[in-house]
Structure formats: structure tokens, C-alpha cells
Protein backbone atom coordinates (compact mmCIF):
# COMPACT_ATOMS: atom_id res chain seq x y z
CA MET A 1 105.12 96.13 83.27
CA ARG A 2 104.93 93.54 86.05
CA ARG A 3 104.22 96.23 88.61
CA THR A 4 101.32 97.58 86.55
CA LEU A 5 99.89 94.09 86.07
CA LEU A 6 100.04 93.28 89.79
CA THR A 7 98.44 96.62 90.67
CA LEU A 8 95.63 95.87 88.21
CA VAL A 9 95.15 92.40 89.73
CA GLY A 10 95.01 93.97 93.20
CA ILE A 11 92.38 96.49 92.10
CA LEU A 12 90.26 93.77 90.51
CA ALA A 13 90.52 91.61 93.65
CA LEU A 14 89.56 94.57 95.83
CA ILE A 15 86.50 95.33 93.70
CA ALA A 16 85.45 91.67 93.51
CA GLY A 17 85.79 91.28 97.27
CA LEU A 18 83.66 94.35 97.90
CA VAL A 19 80.98 93.08 95.50
CA PHE A 20 81.00 89.69 97.25
CA MET A 21 80.62 91.38 100.63
CA LEU A 22 77.76 93.58 99.44
CA GLN A 23 75.97 90.57 97.99
CA GLY A 24 76.50 88.71 101.26
CA PHE A 25 74.95 91.61 103.15
CA GLY A 26 72.06 91.68 100.67
CA VAL A 27 72.83 95.21 99.45
CA ILE A 28 73.46 94.07 95.86
CA ARG A 29 70.70 91.74 94.75
CA TYR A 30 71.88 91.07 91.21
CA PRO A 31 71.47 88.56 89.74
CA ALA A 32 68.35 87.67 91.68
CA SER A 33 69.14 83.94 91.50
CA SER A 34 72.61 84.35 93.04
CA MET A 35 73.43 81.99 95.90
CA MET A 36 75.56 84.74 97.47
CA ILE A 37 72.68 87.04 98.41
CA ASP A 38 72.09 87.24 102.18
CA ASN A 39 74.72 84.57 102.82
CA SER A 40 77.17 85.41 105.61
CA VAL A 41 79.83 83.08 104.20
CA TRP A 42 80.33 85.51 101.32
CA ILE A 43 80.78 88.43 103.68
CA THR A 44 83.85 86.70 105.15
CA ARG A 45 85.19 85.47 101.82
CA GLY A 46 84.69 88.88 100.26
CA ALA A 47 86.51 90.58 103.12
CA VAL A 48 89.48 88.22 102.71
CA ILE A 49 89.62 88.77 98.95
CA ALA A 50 89.33 92.55 99.34
CA ALA A 51 92.06 92.57 102.00
CA LEU A 52 94.40 90.53 99.79
CA GLY A 53 93.74 92.92 96.91
CA ALA A 54 94.51 95.89 99.14
CA LEU A 55 97.74 94.24 100.29
CA VAL A 56 98.83 93.66 96.71
CA ILE A 57 98.11 97.29 95.85
CA ALA A 58 99.96 98.53 98.94
CA GLY A 59 102.87 96.19 98.22
CA MET A 60 103.25 97.56 94.72
CA ARG A 61 103.46 101.09 96.12
CA VAL A 62 106.29 100.13 98.51
CA VAL A 63 108.46 98.18 96.06
CA PRO A 64 111.02 100.47 94.42
CA VAL A 65 110.98 100.78 90.65
CA ARG A 66 114.10 99.40 88.99
CA ARG A 67 115.30 101.13 85.89
CA ARG A 68 117.35 99.37 83.25
CA ARG A 69 120.75 100.74 82.44
CA ARG A 70 121.39 101.57 78.84
């Protein structure tokens, strides 16, 4: 259960980071009033968030699954 939750959190962080980066580059211009559009600060922040999400996902693939004894 915990492994699934952390993988989901990693996926969401990866997606959010990519969206932040694309808004920073000006590729995604929605919503039009967003302060993130064409702002290089969000390119860096998005890259960090996406990298952390990818690390969480990769970490969950490396950690062995423990099975309970019955």
C-alpha cells in the first residue's frame, strides 16, 4: 500500500514539474493570467520537482517488496 502511494506521489510530482517547466518556457499558456508563463524561475523549479518525482518513482522500483508471513 505504501509503495503504491509513494509511486503515485512520484508520478504526480513528475507531471506537475513538467507542467511547470512548460509554462516557464511559454509552451503552455493556460491560464492566461498565470504568473508562471515565460518565467525562467519556473523552468528551474519545475525541473527540480520533476527530478524529485522521477527519483521517488525509481526508488520505489528498487525497494524490494516485503510479504507478510501468515
